[in-house]
């Protein structure tokens, strides 16, 4: 008597590509887990997404929302980006 039933659901060898909304800028997460913003600044997203693409969408007043596929990761305010040598981290709460 067997207690385990094998799943009939197929396992994808490769995750399908995701097309971001046309309003989003698409940026690649680097090996250190950051995205490069305007050639000079770094915004830290997460190291677990290195090599993946994230979409960023402007909310207004220099505030940008960051998404991985359709999951909201956080936001950053480009007015508060630090100097070139340091990365800014994403915020979660707007308040």
PDB file of N, CA and C in Angstrom:
ATOM      1  N   UNK A   1       0.843  -1.176   0.000  1.00  0.00           N
ATOM      2  CA  UNK A   1       0.000   0.000   0.000  1.00  0.00           C
ATOM      3  C   UNK A   1       0.895   1.249   0.000  1.00  0.00           C
ATOM      4  N   UNK A   2       0.642   2.174  -0.938  1.00  0.00           N
ATOM      5  CA  UNK A   2       1.435   3.386  -1.045  1.00  0.00           C
ATOM      6  C   UNK A   2       0.688   4.562  -0.421  1.00  0.00           C
ATOM      7  N   UNK A   3       1.392   5.356   0.347  1.00  0.00           N
ATOM      8  CA  UNK A   3       0.788   6.517   0.982  1.00  0.00           C
ATOM      9  C   UNK A   3       1.011   7.799   0.186  1.00  0.00           C
ATOM     10  N   UNK A   4       1.890   7.737  -0.787  1.00  0.00           N
ATOM     11  CA  UNK A   4       2.231   8.945  -1.545  1.00  0.00           C
ATOM     12  C   UNK A   4       1.672   8.876  -2.958  1.00  0.00           C
ATOM     13  N   UNK A   5       0.978   9.927  -3.354  1.00  0.00           N
ATOM     14  CA  UNK A   5       0.513  10.050  -4.732  1.00  0.00           C
ATOM     15  C   UNK A   5       1.361  11.098  -5.418  1.00  0.00           C
ATOM     16  N   UNK A   6       1.943  10.757  -6.563  1.00  0.00           N
ATOM     17  CA  UNK A   6       2.756  11.700  -7.292  1.00  0.00           C
ATOM     18  C   UNK A   6       1.871  12.738  -7.969  1.00  0.00           C
ATOM     19  N   UNK A   7       2.338  13.955  -7.976  1.00  0.00           N
ATOM     20  CA  UNK A   7       1.582  15.050  -8.571  1.00  0.00           C
ATOM     21  C   UNK A   7       1.554  14.917 -10.090  1.00  0.00           C
ATOM     22  N   UNK A   8       0.429  15.247 -10.670  1.00  0.00           N
ATOM     23  CA  UNK A   8       0.313  15.254 -12.137  1.00  0.00           C
ATOM     24  C   UNK A   8       0.578  16.643 -12.702  1.00  0.00           C
ATOM     25  N   UNK A   9       0.788  17.603 -11.820  1.00  0.00           N
ATOM     26  CA  UNK A   9       1.047  18.976 -12.240  1.00  0.00           C
ATOM     27  C   UNK A   9       2.459  19.070 -12.820  1.00  0.00           C
ATOM     28  N   UNK A  10       2.617  19.690 -13.987  1.00  0.00           N
ATOM     29  CA  UNK A  10       3.953  19.769 -14.587  1.00  0.00           C
ATOM     30  C   UNK A  10       4.844  20.761 -13.845  1.00  0.00           C
ATOM     31  N   UNK A  11       6.117  20.441 -13.771  1.00  0.00           N
ATOM     32  CA  UNK A  11       7.108  21.316 -13.154  1.00  0.00           C
ATOM     33  C   UNK A  11       7.840  22.042 -14.269  1.00  0.00           C
ATOM     34  N   UNK A  12       7.771  23.381 -14.245  1.00  0.00           N
ATOM     35  CA  UNK A  12       8.430  24.166 -15.275  1.00  0.00           C
ATOM     36  C   UNK A  12       9.924  24.221 -15.013  1.00  0.00           C
ATOM     37  N   UNK A  13      10.713  23.896 -16.003  1.00  0.00           N
ATOM     38  CA  UNK A  13      12.158  23.970 -15.861  1.00  0.00           C
ATOM     39  C   UNK A  13      12.634  25.418 -15.859  1.00  0.00           C
ATOM     40  N   UNK A  14      11.913  26.287 -16.520  1.00  0.00           N
ATOM     41  CA  UNK A  14      12.291  27.693 -16.627  1.00  0.00           C
ATOM     42  C   UNK A  14      11.064  28.543 -16.347  1.00  0.00           C
ATOM     43  N   UNK A  15      11.227  29.571 -15.525  1.00  0.00           N
ATOM     44  CA  UNK A  15      10.115  30.467 -15.222  1.00  0.00           C
ATOM     45  C   UNK A  15       9.846  31.323 -16.453  1.00  0.00           C
ATOM     46  N   UNK A  16       8.598  31.415 -16.891  1.00  0.00           N
ATOM     47  CA  UNK A  16       8.304  32.208 -18.090  1.00  0.00           C
ATOM     48  C   UNK A  16       8.613  33.697 -17.888  1.00  0.00           C
ATOM     49  N   UNK A  17       8.940  34.357 -18.989  1.00  0.00           N
ATOM     50  CA  UNK A  17       9.217  35.784 -18.939  1.00  0.00           C
ATOM     51  C   UNK A  17       7.979  36.556 -18.524  1.00  0.00           C
ATOM     52  N   UNK A  18       8.203  37.735 -17.943  1.00  0.00           N
ATOM     53  CA  UNK A  18       7.106  38.575 -17.476  1.00  0.00           C
ATOM     54  C   UNK A  18       7.205  39.917 -18.174  1.00  0.00           C
ATOM     55  N   UNK A  19       6.120  40.389 -18.726  1.00  0.00           N
ATOM     56  CA  UNK A  19       6.090  41.691 -19.381  1.00  0.00           C
ATOM     57  C   UNK A  19       5.508  42.719 -18.423  1.00  0.00           C
ATOM     58  N   UNK A  20       6.328  43.716 -18.100  1.00  0.00           N
ATOM     59  CA  UNK A  20       5.872  44.793 -17.227  1.00  0.00           C
ATOM     60  C   UNK A  20       4.993  45.762 -18.010  1.00  0.00           C
ATOM     61  N   UNK A  21       4.168  46.502 -17.292  1.00  0.00           N
ATOM     62  CA  UNK A  21       3.309  47.522 -17.881  1.00  0.00           C
ATOM     63  C   UNK A  21       4.166  48.532 -18.637  1.00  0.00           C
ATOM     64  N   UNK A  22       3.632  49.112 -19.680  1.00  0.00           N
ATOM     65  CA  UNK A  22       4.369  50.077 -20.495  1.00  0.00           C
ATOM     66  C   UNK A  22       4.755  51.326 -19.707  1.00  0.00           C
ATOM     67  N   UNK A  23       4.060  51.607 -18.602  1.00  0.00           N
ATOM     68  CA  UNK A  23       4.368  52.772 -17.769  1.00  0.00           C
ATOM     69  C   UNK A  23       5.583  52.543 -16.879  1.00  0.00           C
ATOM     70  N   UNK A  24       6.039  51.307 -16.775  1.00  0.00           N
ATOM     71  CA  UNK A  24       7.155  50.963 -15.894  1.00  0.00           C
ATOM     72  C   UNK A  24       8.488  51.067 -16.623  1.00  0.00           C
ATOM     73  N   UNK A  25       9.498  51.508 -15.876  1.00  0.00           N
ATOM     74  CA  UNK A  25      10.871  51.377 -16.333  1.00  0.00           C
ATOM     75  C   UNK A  25      11.343  50.019 -15.828  1.00  0.00           C
ATOM     76  N   UNK A  26      12.036  49.285 -16.659  1.00  0.00           N
ATOM     77  CA  UNK A  26      12.503  47.953 -16.283  1.00  0.00           C
ATOM     78  C   UNK A  26      14.015  48.015 -16.064  1.00  0.00           C
ATOM     79  N   UNK A  27      14.455  47.608 -14.872  1.00  0.00           N
ATOM     80  CA  UNK A  27      15.862  47.647 -14.503  1.00  0.00           C
ATOM     81  C   UNK A  27      16.300  46.280 -13.998  1.00  0.00           C
ATOM     82  N   UNK A  28      17.558  45.941 -14.279  1.00  0.00           N
ATOM     83  CA  UNK A  28      18.097  44.658 -13.842  1.00  0.00           C
ATOM     84  C   UNK A  28      18.744  44.817 -12.469  1.00  0.00           C
ATOM     85  N   UNK A  29      18.475  43.846 -11.590  1.00  0.00           N
ATOM     86  CA  UNK A  29      19.080  43.829 -10.262  1.00  0.00           C
ATOM     87  C   UNK A  29      20.496  43.268 -10.399  1.00  0.00           C
ATOM     88  N   UNK A  30      21.483  44.010  -9.897  1.00  0.00           N
ATOM     89  CA  UNK A  30      22.878  43.625 -10.046  1.00  0.00           C
ATOM     90  C   UNK A  30      23.263  42.538  -9.049  1.00  0.00           C
ATOM     91  N   UNK A  31      24.520  42.099  -9.107  1.00  0.00           N
ATOM     92  CA  UNK A  31      24.997  41.028  -8.232  1.00  0.00           C
ATOM     93  C   UNK A  31      25.000  41.415  -6.761  1.00  0.00           C
ATOM     94  N   UNK A  32      25.027  42.700  -6.479  1.00  0.00           N
ATOM     95  CA  UNK A  32      24.978  43.110  -5.068  1.00  0.00           C
ATOM     96  C   UNK A  32      23.546  43.361  -4.593  1.00  0.00           C
ATOM     97  N   UNK A  33      22.539  43.055  -5.417  1.00  0.00           N
ATOM     98  CA  UNK A  33      21.135  43.186  -5.013  1.00  0.00           C
ATOM     99  C   UNK A  33      20.559  44.569  -5.202  1.00  0.00           C
ATOM    100  N   UNK A  34      21.247  45.433  -5.948  1.00  0.00           N
ATOM    101  CA  UNK A  34      20.805  46.811  -6.139  1.00  0.00           C
ATOM    102  C   UNK A  34      20.426  47.078  -7.591  1.00  0.00           C
ATOM    103  N   UNK A  35      19.684  48.156  -7.781  1.00  0.00           N
ATOM    104  CA  UNK A  35      19.440  48.658  -9.127  1.00  0.00           C
ATOM    105  C   UNK A  35      20.186  49.977  -9.256  1.00  0.00           C
ATOM    106  N   UNK A  36      20.641  50.246 -10.450  1.00  0.00           N
ATOM    107  CA  UNK A  36      21.360  51.495 -10.698  1.00  0.00           C
ATOM    108  C   UNK A  36      20.350  52.537 -11.148  1.00  0.00           C
ATOM    109  N   UNK A  37      20.366  53.693 -10.482  1.00  0.00           N
ATOM    110  CA  UNK A  37      19.410  54.747 -10.781  1.00  0.00           C
ATOM    111  C   UNK A  37      20.147  55.953 -11.333  1.00  0.00           C
ATOM    112  N   UNK A  38      19.790  56.350 -12.554  1.00  0.00           N
ATOM    113  CA  UNK A  38      20.347  57.523 -13.224  1.00  0.00           C
ATOM    114  C   UNK A  38      21.877  57.499 -13.263  1.00  0.00           C
ATOM    115  N   UNK A  39      22.453  56.358 -13.526  1.00  0.00           N
ATOM    116  CA  UNK A  39      23.884  56.135 -13.732  1.00  0.00           C
ATOM    117  C   UNK A  39      24.766  56.384 -12.520  1.00  0.00           C
ATOM    118  N   UNK A  40      24.315  57.112 -11.540  1.00  0.00           N
ATOM    119  CA  UNK A  40      25.176  57.475 -10.416  1.00  0.00           C
ATOM    120  C   UNK A  40      24.785  56.832  -9.092  1.00  0.00           C
ATOM    121  N   UNK A  41      23.525  56.527  -8.895  1.00  0.00           N
ATOM    122  CA  UNK A  41      23.034  56.129  -7.584  1.00  0.00           C
ATOM    123  C   UNK A  41      22.645  54.656  -7.569  1.00  0.00           C
ATOM    124  N   UNK A  42      22.698  54.064  -6.388  1.00  0.00           N
ATOM    125  CA  UNK A  42      22.301  52.679  -6.182  1.00  0.00           C
ATOM    126  C   UNK A  42      21.113  52.636  -5.230  1.00  0.00           C
ATOM    127  N   UNK A  43      20.129  51.811  -5.556  1.00  0.00           N
ATOM    128  CA  UNK A  43      18.985  51.565  -4.674  1.00  0.00           C
ATOM    129  C   UNK A  43      18.976  50.070  -4.380  1.00  0.00           C
ATOM    130  N   UNK A  44      19.185  49.703  -3.113  1.00  0.00           N
ATOM    131  CA  UNK A  44      19.226  48.293  -2.730  1.00  0.00           C
ATOM    132  C   UNK A  44      17.807  47.729  -2.732  1.00  0.00           C
ATOM    133  N   UNK A  45      17.629  46.619  -3.447  1.00  0.00           N
ATOM    134  CA  UNK A  45      16.336  45.932  -3.514  1.00  0.00           C
ATOM    135  C   UNK A  45      16.406  44.691  -2.636  1.00  0.00           C
ATOM    136  N   UNK A  46      17.079  43.650  -3.101  1.00  0.00           N
ATOM    137  CA  UNK A  46      17.325  42.427  -2.340  1.00  0.00           C
ATOM    138  C   UNK A  46      18.293  41.559  -3.137  1.00  0.00           C
ATOM    139  N   UNK A  47      19.181  40.884  -2.449  1.00  0.00           N
ATOM    140  CA  UNK A  47      20.160  40.024  -3.116  1.00  0.00           C
ATOM    141  C   UNK A  47      19.498  38.798  -3.734  1.00  0.00           C
ATOM    142  N   UNK A  48      18.325  38.430  -3.250  1.00  0.00           N
ATOM    143  CA  UNK A  48      17.658  37.238  -3.787  1.00  0.00           C
ATOM    144  C   UNK A  48      17.130  37.453  -5.208  1.00  0.00           C
ATOM    145  N   UNK A  49      17.076  38.694  -5.666  1.00  0.00           N
ATOM    146  CA  UNK A  49      16.613  38.968  -7.033  1.00  0.00           C
ATOM    147  C   UNK A  49      17.761  39.280  -7.993  1.00  0.00           C
ATOM    148  N   UNK A  50      18.999  39.001  -7.619  1.00  0.00           N
ATOM    149  CA  UNK A  50      20.105  39.342  -8.502  1.00  0.00           C
ATOM    150  C   UNK A  50      19.956  38.651  -9.857  1.00  0.00           C
ATOM    151  N   UNK A  51      20.174  39.445 -10.904  1.00  0.00           N
ATOM    152  CA  UNK A  51      20.025  38.940 -12.258  1.00  0.00           C
ATOM    153  C   UNK A  51      18.605  39.011 -12.804  1.00  0.00           C
ATOM    154  N   UNK A  52      17.644  39.312 -11.960  1.00  0.00           N
ATOM    155  CA  UNK A  52      16.242  39.420 -12.379  1.00  0.00           C
ATOM    156  C   UNK A  52      15.931  40.876 -12.737  1.00  0.00           C
ATOM    157  N   UNK A  53      14.795  41.077 -13.356  1.00  0.00           N
ATOM    158  CA  UNK A  53      14.367  42.418 -13.738  1.00  0.00           C
ATOM    159  C   UNK A  53      13.208  42.871 -12.858  1.00  0.00           C
ATOM    160  N   UNK A  54      13.273  44.121 -12.424  1.00  0.00           N
ATOM    161  CA  UNK A  54      12.192  44.720 -11.643  1.00  0.00           C
ATOM    162  C   UNK A  54      11.622  45.888 -12.441  1.00  0.00           C
ATOM    163  N   UNK A  55      10.374  46.202 -12.175  1.00  0.00           N
ATOM    164  CA  UNK A  55       9.726  47.348 -12.802  1.00  0.00           C
ATOM    165  C   UNK A  55       9.571  48.452 -11.782  1.00  0.00           C
ATOM    166  N   UNK A  56       9.855  49.679 -12.204  1.00  0.00           N
ATOM    167  CA  UNK A  56       9.647  50.812 -11.312  1.00  0.00           C
ATOM    168  C   UNK A  56       8.667  51.772 -11.974  1.00  0.00           C
ATOM    169  N   UNK A  57       7.782  52.310 -11.169  1.00  0.00           N
ATOM    170  CA  UNK A  57       6.713  53.166 -11.677  1.00  0.00           C
ATOM    171  C   UNK A  57       6.645  54.432 -10.824  1.00  0.00           C
ATOM    172  N   UNK A  58       6.632  55.597 -11.474  1.00  0.00           N
ATOM    173  CA  UNK A  58       6.618  56.863 -10.749  1.00  0.00           C
ATOM    174  C   UNK A  58       5.232  57.143 -10.190  1.00  0.00           C
ATOM    175  N   UNK A  59       5.228  57.549  -8.915  1.00  0.00           N
ATOM    176  CA  UNK A  59       3.984  57.933  -8.266  1.00  0.00           C
ATOM    177  C   UNK A  59       3.787  59.439  -8.339  1.00  0.00           C
ATOM    178  N   UNK A  60       4.869  60.186  -8.550  1.00  0.00           N
ATOM    179  CA  UNK A  60       4.828  61.640  -8.563  1.00  0.00           C
ATOM    180  C   UNK A  60       5.774  62.197  -7.516  1.00  0.00           C
ATOM    181  N   UNK A  61       6.221  63.418  -7.715  1.00  0.00           N
ATOM    182  CA  UNK A  61       7.123  64.100  -6.777  1.00  0.00           C
ATOM    183  C   UNK A  61       8.415  63.328  -6.517  1.00  0.00           C
ATOM    184  N   UNK A  62       8.884  62.566  -7.498  1.00  0.00           N
ATOM    185  CA  UNK A  62      10.140  61.841  -7.345  1.00  0.00           C
ATOM    186  C   UNK A  62      10.064  60.559  -6.555  1.00  0.00           C
ATOM    187  N   UNK A  63       8.861  60.090  -6.260  1.00  0.00           N
ATOM    188  CA  UNK A  63       8.682  58.836  -5.524  1.00  0.00           C
ATOM    189  C   UNK A  63       8.394  57.729  -6.539  1.00  0.00           C
ATOM    190  N   UNK A  64       9.146  56.627  -6.416  1.00  0.00           N
ATOM    191  CA  UNK A  64       9.043  55.506  -7.358  1.00  0.00           C
ATOM    192  C   UNK A  64       8.679  54.233  -6.615  1.00  0.00           C
ATOM    193  N   UNK A  65       7.680  53.503  -7.136  1.00  0.00           N
ATOM    194  CA  UNK A  65       7.305  52.198  -6.595  1.00  0.00           C
ATOM    195  C   UNK A  65       8.090  51.124  -7.341  1.00  0.00           C
ATOM    196  N   UNK A  66       8.522  50.091  -6.626  1.00  0.00           N
ATOM    197  CA  UNK A  66       9.325  49.023  -7.205  1.00  0.00           C
ATOM    198  C   UNK A  66       8.540  47.712  -7.109  1.00  0.00           C
ATOM    199  N   UNK A  67       8.465  46.995  -8.236  1.00  0.00           N
ATOM    200  CA  UNK A  67       7.738  45.730  -8.321  1.00  0.00           C
ATOM    201  C   UNK A  67       8.635  44.631  -8.858  1.00  0.00           C
ATOM    202  N   UNK A  68       8.461  43.416  -8.367  1.00  0.00           N
ATOM    203  CA  UNK A  68       9.002  42.242  -9.032  1.00  0.00           C
ATOM    204  C   UNK A  68       7.791  41.481  -9.556  1.00  0.00           C
ATOM    205  N   UNK A  69       7.681  41.428 -10.856  1.00  0.00           N
ATOM    206  CA  UNK A  69       6.487  40.916 -11.530  1.00  0.00           C
ATOM    207  C   UNK A  69       5.289  41.735 -11.041  1.00  0.00           C
ATOM    208  N   UNK A  70       4.328  41.146 -10.374  1.00  0.00           N
ATOM    209  CA  UNK A  70       3.204  41.947  -9.891  1.00  0.00           C
ATOM    210  C   UNK A  70       3.205  42.079  -8.359  1.00  0.00           C
ATOM    211  N   UNK A  71       4.361  41.886  -7.735  1.00  0.00           N
ATOM    212  CA  UNK A  71       4.497  41.988  -6.286  1.00  0.00           C
ATOM    213  C   UNK A  71       5.178  43.314  -5.943  1.00  0.00           C
ATOM    214  N   UNK A  72       4.517  44.124  -5.139  1.00  0.00           N
ATOM    215  CA  UNK A  72       5.067  45.399  -4.707  1.00  0.00           C
ATOM    216  C   UNK A  72       6.155  45.150  -3.674  1.00  0.00           C
ATOM    217  N   UNK A  73       7.366  45.649  -3.928  1.00  0.00           N
ATOM    218  CA  UNK A  73       8.491  45.458  -3.019  1.00  0.00           C
ATOM    219  C   UNK A  73       8.702  46.635  -2.085  1.00  0.00           C
ATOM    220  N   UNK A  74       8.411  47.831  -2.556  1.00  0.00           N
ATOM    221  CA  UNK A  74       8.627  49.026  -1.748  1.00  0.00           C
ATOM    222  C   UNK A  74       8.767  50.232  -2.650  1.00  0.00           C
ATOM    223  N   UNK A  75       9.245  51.335  -2.085  1.00  0.00           N
ATOM    224  CA  UNK A  75       9.392  52.550  -2.868  1.00  0.00           C
ATOM    225  C   UNK A  75      10.677  53.252  -2.468  1.00  0.00           C
ATOM    226  N   UNK A  76      11.122  54.178  -3.305  1.00  0.00           N
ATOM    227  CA  UNK A  76      12.220  55.062  -2.937  1.00  0.00           C
ATOM    228  C   UNK A  76      11.914  56.454  -3.438  1.00  0.00           C
ATOM    229  N   UNK A  77      12.471  57.439  -2.750  1.00  0.00           N
ATOM    230  CA  UNK A  77      12.297  58.839  -3.098  1.00  0.00           C
ATOM    231  C   UNK A  77      13.629  59.329  -3.650  1.00  0.00           C
ATOM    232  N   UNK A  78      13.640  59.712  -4.913  1.00  0.00           N
ATOM    233  CA  UNK A  78      14.913  60.082  -5.540  1.00  0.00           C
ATOM    234  C   UNK A  78      15.501  61.361  -4.956  1.00  0.00           C
ATOM    235  N   UNK A  79      14.707  62.141  -4.234  1.00  0.00           N
ATOM    236  CA  UNK A  79      15.238  63.350  -3.588  1.00  0.00           C
ATOM    237  C   UNK A  79      16.168  63.010  -2.433  1.00  0.00           C
ATOM    238  N   UNK A  80      16.010  61.833  -1.857  1.00  0.00           N
ATOM    239  CA  UNK A  80      16.802  61.449  -0.698  1.00  0.00           C
ATOM    240  C   UNK A  80      17.871  60.415  -1.010  1.00  0.00           C
ATOM    241  N   UNK A  81      18.233  60.269  -2.273  1.00  0.00           N
ATOM    242  CA  UNK A  81      19.302  59.339  -2.613  1.00  0.00           C
ATOM    243  C   UNK A  81      20.610  59.878  -2.054  1.00  0.00           C
ATOM    244  N   UNK A  82      21.383  58.979  -1.496  1.00  0.00           N
ATOM    245  CA  UNK A  82      22.656  59.370  -0.885  1.00  0.00           C
ATOM    246  C   UNK A  82      23.731  59.538  -1.945  1.00  0.00           C
ATOM    247  N   UNK A  83      24.952  59.690  -1.511  1.00  0.00           N
ATOM    248  CA  UNK A  83      26.042  59.872  -2.467  1.00  0.00           C
ATOM    249  C   UNK A  83      26.290  58.601  -3.275  1.00  0.00           C
ATOM    250  N   UNK A  84      27.156  58.692  -4.251  1.00  0.00           N
ATOM    251  CA  UNK A  84      27.370  57.613  -5.207  1.00  0.00           C
ATOM    252  C   UNK A  84      27.905  56.333  -4.575  1.00  0.00           C
ATOM    253  N   UNK A  85      28.624  56.434  -3.478  1.00  0.00           N
ATOM    254  CA  UNK A  85      29.262  55.261  -2.901  1.00  0.00           C
ATOM    255  C   UNK A  85      28.315  54.407  -2.060  1.00  0.00           C
ATOM    256  N   UNK A  86      27.173  54.931  -1.657  1.00  0.00           N
ATOM    257  CA  UNK A  86      26.258  54.198  -0.788  1.00  0.00           C
ATOM    258  C   UNK A  86      24.952  53.901  -1.513  1.00  0.00           C
ATOM    259  N   UNK A  87      24.347  52.792  -1.146  1.00  0.00           N
ATOM    260  CA  UNK A  87      23.051  52.417  -1.708  1.00  0.00           C
ATOM    261  C   UNK A  87      21.935  52.851  -0.764  1.00  0.00           C
ATOM    262  N   UNK A  88      20.822  53.259  -1.316  1.00  0.00           N
ATOM    263  CA  UNK A  88      19.620  53.571  -0.559  1.00  0.00           C
ATOM    264  C   UNK A  88      18.759  52.324  -0.521  1.00  0.00           C
ATOM    265  N   UNK A  89      18.133  52.045   0.589  1.00  0.00           N
ATOM    266  CA  UNK A  89      17.246  50.880   0.695  1.00  0.00           C
ATOM    267  C   UNK A  89      15.814  51.275   0.379  1.00  0.00           C
ATOM    268  N   UNK A  90      15.039  50.311  -0.084  1.00  0.00           N
ATOM    269  CA  UNK A  90      13.619  50.549  -0.328  1.00  0.00           C
ATOM    270  C   UNK A  90      12.899  50.772   0.977  1.00  0.00           C
ATOM    271  N   UNK A  91      11.899  51.626   0.950  1.00  0.00           N
ATOM    272  CA  UNK A  91      11.005  51.853   2.089  1.00  0.00           C
ATOM    273  C   UNK A  91       9.714  51.086   1.819  1.00  0.00           C
ATOM    274  N   UNK A  92       8.985  50.775   2.877  1.00  0.00           N
ATOM    275  CA  UNK A  92       7.721  50.065   2.703  1.00  0.00           C
ATOM    276  C   UNK A  92       6.541  50.958   3.016  1.00  0.00           C
ATOM    277  N   UNK A  93       6.662  51.825   4.000  1.00  0.00           N
ATOM    278  CA  UNK A  93       5.551  52.678   4.409  1.00  0.00           C
ATOM    279  C   UNK A  93       5.752  54.095   3.875  1.00  0.00           C
ATOM    280  N   UNK A  94       4.715  54.642   3.297  1.00  0.00           N
ATOM    281  CA  UNK A  94       4.783  56.015   2.802  1.00  0.00           C
ATOM    282  C   UNK A  94       4.625  57.020   3.924  1.00  0.00           C
ATOM    283  N   UNK A  95       4.069  56.614   5.048  1.00  0.00           N
ATOM    284  CA  UNK A  95       3.806  57.535   6.162  1.00  0.00           C
ATOM    285  C   UNK A  95       5.000  57.604   7.074  1.00  0.00           C
TER     286      UNK A  95
END
